[in-house]
Amino acid sequence: MATRPVMMISGTSRGIGRGLAEHFVEAGYDVAGCSRGKSDLAVEGYDHSEVDVTDERQIRAWVRGVRRRQGRIDVLVCNAGLVPPPTLLNLTAATTLRSALHVNVEGTFLLCREVAKVMMGQRSGRIVTMSSMAVGLHDVGTAAYSASKAAVVEMTKVLARELAPVGITCNVVAPSVFPTDSLEQMGAEASERALASLTLPRHLEIEEIAGVVAFFAAPTSTAITGQVIHLGLVT
């Protein structure tokens, strides 16, 4: 059984998820991470599983395994996501929309549902989901992605109301521009437009994102729920 707080993070093979895993292990958490493939992150306090967040059986098995080994789950960070390349509406295939909704919305929903079952039994827990600056940016070519991330925000606010009576908080982090593979997929023009739209027109550092997650996860944040924090501020 864990003697340190236990955090589950999805999408930890690279990018924001990997950075968060490294940060919170160093901060004293036992971190259980997952991605569809293997991870080369090998540090004490980190345990990796190969999980497809859209596969209900895999999600259920992963959550139950962490609960069995650690005894509890204190924090969930739903980070796994899909960023389709920017495409104008008339050129966007229906499969692009379905893929974004499948990973970003259904994947987040399934993970929240299974972890919430554990947290309800504990009568405590912190759930943090990931949205995006795309929700407020309204940039051309992002209809599918923006719709999926807007859905995550609304879902999290509903969960905040549902789970408040059992001591579980649910909040959203909406990062702006962070150097990842997804950023490269956006292309230089879209990336420059995104940066120009920000009050703080620069790339985020992982410590800045982790700081917001840590705020939501803190034992003293029991009254903070149903909130969205945008990093960089879309103007």
Protein backbone atom coordinates (compact mmCIF):
# COMPACT_ATOMS: atom_id res chain seq x y z
CA MET A 1 0.00 0.00 0.00
CA ALA A 2 1.18 3.51 -0.81
CA THR A 3 2.63 5.74 1.85
CA ARG A 4 2.79 8.69 -0.54
CA PRO A 5 -0.12 10.36 -2.37
CA VAL A 6 -1.15 8.47 -5.51
CA MET A 7 -1.68 10.21 -8.84
CA MET A 8 -2.87 8.68 -12.12
CA ILE A 9 -1.95 10.48 -15.35
CA SER A 10 -2.98 9.42 -18.84
CA GLY A 11 -0.85 10.09 -21.90
CA THR A 12 2.55 10.04 -20.21
CA SER A 13 4.80 8.76 -22.99
CA ARG A 14 5.73 12.28 -24.12
CA GLY A 15 4.82 15.95 -24.01
CA ILE A 16 2.81 17.43 -21.16
CA GLY A 17 1.95 14.04 -19.68
CA ARG A 18 5.55 12.93 -19.40
CA GLY A 19 6.55 16.28 -17.95
CA LEU A 20 3.80 16.06 -15.35
CA ALA A 21 4.81 12.51 -14.42
CA GLU A 22 8.42 13.56 -13.88
CA HIS A 23 7.38 16.64 -11.91
CA PHE A 24 5.02 14.89 -9.52
CA VAL A 25 7.34 11.96 -8.86
CA GLU A 26 9.93 14.52 -7.79
CA ALA A 27 7.24 16.25 -5.72
CA GLY A 28 6.68 13.08 -3.69
CA TYR A 29 3.81 11.33 -5.47
CA ASP A 30 3.54 7.73 -6.56
CA VAL A 31 2.55 8.21 -10.20
CA ALA A 32 0.76 5.63 -12.33
CA GLY A 33 0.97 6.65 -15.97
CA CYS A 34 -0.33 5.20 -19.19
CA SER A 35 -0.09 5.53 -22.93
CA ARG A 36 -0.84 3.29 -25.88
CA GLY A 37 2.82 2.33 -26.12
CA LYS A 38 5.79 1.80 -23.87
CA SER A 39 7.57 4.55 -21.96
CA ASP A 40 11.29 4.99 -21.36
CA LEU A 41 10.64 6.92 -18.16
CA ALA A 42 12.28 4.73 -15.53
CA VAL A 43 12.36 6.46 -12.15
CA GLU A 44 11.41 5.29 -8.69
CA GLY A 45 7.83 6.19 -7.95
CA TYR A 46 6.62 5.87 -11.54
CA ASP A 47 4.72 2.86 -12.88
CA HIS A 48 3.77 2.69 -16.56
CA SER A 49 0.97 0.72 -18.22
CA GLU A 50 0.06 0.35 -21.87
CA VAL A 51 -3.55 1.47 -22.06
CA ASP A 52 -5.83 2.74 -24.81
CA VAL A 53 -8.05 5.32 -23.09
CA THR A 54 -10.88 4.59 -25.51
CA ASP A 55 -10.95 0.92 -24.51
CA GLU A 56 -13.38 0.51 -21.62
CA ARG A 57 -11.98 -2.83 -20.49
CA GLN A 58 -8.39 -1.58 -20.48
CA ILE A 59 -9.34 1.52 -18.51
CA ARG A 60 -11.24 -0.52 -15.94
CA ALA A 61 -8.36 -2.98 -15.55
CA TRP A 62 -5.79 -0.20 -15.18
CA VAL A 63 -7.76 1.66 -12.52
CA ARG A 64 -8.51 -1.51 -10.57
CA GLY A 65 -4.86 -2.52 -10.74
CA VAL A 66 -3.68 0.80 -9.33
CA ARG A 67 -6.30 0.65 -6.60
CA ARG A 68 -5.28 -2.90 -5.69
CA ARG A 69 -1.56 -2.12 -5.53
CA GLN A 70 -1.69 1.32 -3.95
CA GLY A 71 -4.79 1.09 -1.80
CA ARG A 72 -6.23 4.39 -3.00
CA ILE A 73 -6.20 7.02 -5.76
CA ASP A 74 -5.79 10.62 -4.67
CA VAL A 75 -5.49 12.51 -7.96
CA LEU A 76 -6.47 11.81 -11.56
CA VAL A 77 -5.08 13.88 -14.44
CA CYS A 78 -6.82 13.17 -17.75
CA ASN A 79 -4.11 14.30 -20.13
CA ALA A 80 -4.31 11.86 -23.06
CA GLY A 81 -5.66 13.56 -26.14
CA LEU A 82 -5.74 13.78 -29.90
CA VAL A 83 -5.00 16.95 -31.89
CA PRO A 84 -6.12 16.65 -35.53
CA PRO A 85 -4.22 18.76 -38.09
CA PRO A 86 -6.06 22.06 -38.75
CA THR A 87 -8.53 21.52 -41.58
CA LEU A 88 -11.28 23.77 -42.92
CA LEU A 89 -14.81 22.53 -42.32
CA ASN A 90 -15.57 21.68 -45.94
CA LEU A 91 -12.41 19.55 -46.07
CA THR A 92 -12.80 17.83 -42.70
CA ALA A 93 -13.73 14.16 -42.85
CA ALA A 94 -16.35 12.84 -40.46
CA THR A 95 -13.75 10.37 -39.23
CA THR A 96 -11.62 13.29 -38.01
CA LEU A 97 -14.46 14.54 -35.84
CA ARG A 98 -15.26 11.06 -34.57
CA SER A 99 -11.61 10.42 -33.66
CA ALA A 100 -11.34 13.69 -31.72
CA LEU A 101 -14.53 12.98 -29.80
CA HIS A 102 -13.58 9.34 -29.23
CA VAL A 103 -10.22 10.11 -27.62
CA ASN A 104 -10.74 13.53 -26.06
CA VAL A 105 -14.30 13.16 -24.79
CA GLU A 106 -15.04 9.45 -24.44
CA GLY A 107 -11.53 8.67 -23.20
CA THR A 108 -11.78 11.36 -20.54
CA PHE A 109 -15.30 10.24 -19.60
CA LEU A 110 -14.33 6.60 -19.14
CA LEU A 111 -11.30 7.40 -17.03
CA CYS A 112 -13.21 9.86 -14.84
CA ARG A 113 -16.01 7.35 -14.35
CA GLU A 114 -13.80 4.48 -13.25
CA VAL A 115 -11.58 6.57 -10.97
CA ALA A 116 -14.61 8.34 -9.48
CA LYS A 117 -15.91 4.95 -8.34
CA VAL A 118 -12.75 4.52 -6.26
CA MET A 119 -12.78 8.08 -4.98
CA MET A 120 -16.44 7.88 -3.98
CA GLY A 121 -15.57 4.98 -1.71
CA GLN A 122 -12.79 7.09 -0.19
CA ARG A 123 -15.03 10.17 -0.01
CA SER A 124 -12.11 12.21 -1.30
CA GLY A 125 -10.19 12.86 -4.49
CA ARG A 126 -9.10 15.35 -7.11
CA ILE A 127 -9.93 15.08 -10.81
CA VAL A 128 -8.15 17.36 -13.28
CA THR A 129 -9.03 17.33 -16.97
CA MET A 130 -7.24 19.00 -19.87
CA SER A 131 -8.92 21.40 -22.26
CA SER A 132 -7.14 23.79 -24.61
CA MET A 133 -6.73 27.39 -25.62
CA ALA A 134 -8.50 26.31 -28.82
CA VAL A 135 -11.84 26.59 -27.03
CA GLY A 136 -11.50 30.35 -26.70
CA LEU A 137 -9.37 31.00 -29.75
CA HIS A 138 -11.99 30.10 -32.39
CA ASP A 139 -9.25 29.61 -34.95
CA VAL A 140 -10.14 28.44 -38.45
CA GLY A 141 -9.63 24.77 -39.11
CA THR A 142 -10.08 23.65 -35.50
CA ALA A 143 -13.82 22.92 -35.38
CA ALA A 144 -13.44 19.21 -34.55
CA TYR A 145 -10.72 19.68 -31.94
CA SER A 146 -12.30 22.75 -30.33
CA ALA A 147 -15.67 21.02 -30.07
CA SER A 148 -14.09 18.04 -28.32
CA LYS A 149 -12.22 20.20 -25.82
CA ALA A 150 -15.27 22.37 -25.13
CA ALA A 151 -17.15 19.17 -24.33
CA VAL A 152 -14.46 18.25 -21.80
CA VAL A 153 -14.99 21.57 -20.00
CA GLU A 154 -18.75 21.14 -19.74
CA MET A 155 -18.44 17.50 -18.69
CA THR A 156 -16.00 18.44 -15.94
CA LYS A 157 -18.33 21.13 -14.60
CA VAL A 158 -21.18 18.63 -14.45
CA LEU A 159 -18.97 16.11 -12.66
CA ALA A 160 -17.97 18.82 -10.18
CA ARG A 161 -21.62 19.16 -9.13
CA GLU A 162 -22.26 15.42 -9.10
CA LEU A 163 -19.21 14.53 -7.04
CA ALA A 164 -19.06 17.46 -4.62
CA PRO A 165 -21.24 15.71 -1.99
CA VAL A 166 -18.63 12.93 -1.68
CA GLY A 167 -15.61 15.19 -1.34
CA ILE A 168 -14.30 15.01 -4.91
CA THR A 169 -13.27 18.16 -6.77
CA CYS A 170 -13.18 18.40 -10.57
CA ASN A 171 -11.34 21.16 -12.41
CA VAL A 172 -9.90 21.97 -15.82
CA VAL A 173 -6.49 23.13 -16.99
CA ALA A 174 -6.47 24.80 -20.42
CA PRO A 175 -2.85 25.11 -21.60
CA SER A 176 -1.91 27.47 -24.39
CA VAL A 177 1.10 26.70 -26.58
CA PHE A 178 3.45 23.98 -25.35
CA PRO A 179 6.20 22.45 -27.52
CA THR A 180 4.95 18.95 -28.37
CA ASP A 181 4.50 16.73 -31.40
CA SER A 182 0.94 18.08 -31.63
CA LEU A 183 2.28 21.62 -31.98
CA GLU A 184 4.39 20.54 -34.95
CA GLN A 185 1.29 19.01 -36.54
CA MET A 186 -0.43 22.41 -36.36
CA GLY A 187 2.10 23.88 -38.76
CA ALA A 188 4.08 27.11 -38.45
CA GLU A 189 1.26 29.42 -39.58
CA ALA A 190 -1.31 28.07 -37.12
CA SER A 191 1.26 28.05 -34.32
CA GLU A 192 2.17 31.69 -34.96
CA ARG A 193 -1.51 32.70 -34.99
CA ALA A 194 -2.02 30.92 -31.68
CA LEU A 195 0.93 32.67 -30.05
CA ALA A 196 -0.16 36.07 -31.38
CA SER A 197 -3.60 35.64 -29.80
CA LEU A 198 -2.19 35.29 -26.27
CA THR A 199 -1.70 37.91 -23.61
CA LEU A 200 1.55 36.06 -22.86
CA PRO A 201 2.74 35.25 -26.40
CA ARG A 202 5.28 32.54 -25.62
CA HIS A 203 5.54 28.80 -25.14
CA LEU A 204 4.60 27.42 -21.74
CA GLU A 205 7.05 25.65 -19.45
CA ILE A 206 6.01 22.33 -17.93
CA GLU A 207 6.47 23.77 -14.43
CA GLU A 208 3.74 26.32 -15.18
CA ILE A 209 1.25 23.63 -16.15
CA ALA A 210 2.29 21.44 -13.21
CA GLY A 211 1.81 24.39 -10.87
CA VAL A 212 -1.87 24.65 -11.79
CA VAL A 213 -2.36 20.90 -11.45
CA ALA A 214 -0.66 21.03 -8.04
CA PHE A 215 -2.98 23.85 -6.98
CA PHE A 216 -6.06 21.84 -7.91
CA ALA A 217 -4.60 18.71 -6.27
CA ALA A 218 -3.61 20.37 -3.00
CA PRO A 219 -5.31 19.19 0.22
CA THR A 220 -6.20 22.83 0.90
CA SER A 221 -8.13 23.16 -2.39
CA THR A 222 -11.28 21.48 -1.11
CA ALA A 223 -13.43 24.50 -2.04
CA ILE A 224 -12.04 24.80 -5.59
CA THR A 225 -14.22 22.86 -8.02
CA GLY A 226 -15.82 23.33 -11.42
CA GLN A 227 -13.16 25.86 -12.40
CA VAL A 228 -11.17 26.38 -15.59
CA ILE A 229 -7.73 27.98 -15.55
CA HIS A 230 -6.43 29.20 -18.90
CA LEU A 231 -2.67 29.55 -19.14
CA GLY A 232 -1.43 32.35 -21.37
CA LEU A 233 -4.92 33.93 -21.63
CA VAL A 234 -6.54 34.07 -25.04
CA THR A 235 -7.25 37.72 -25.89
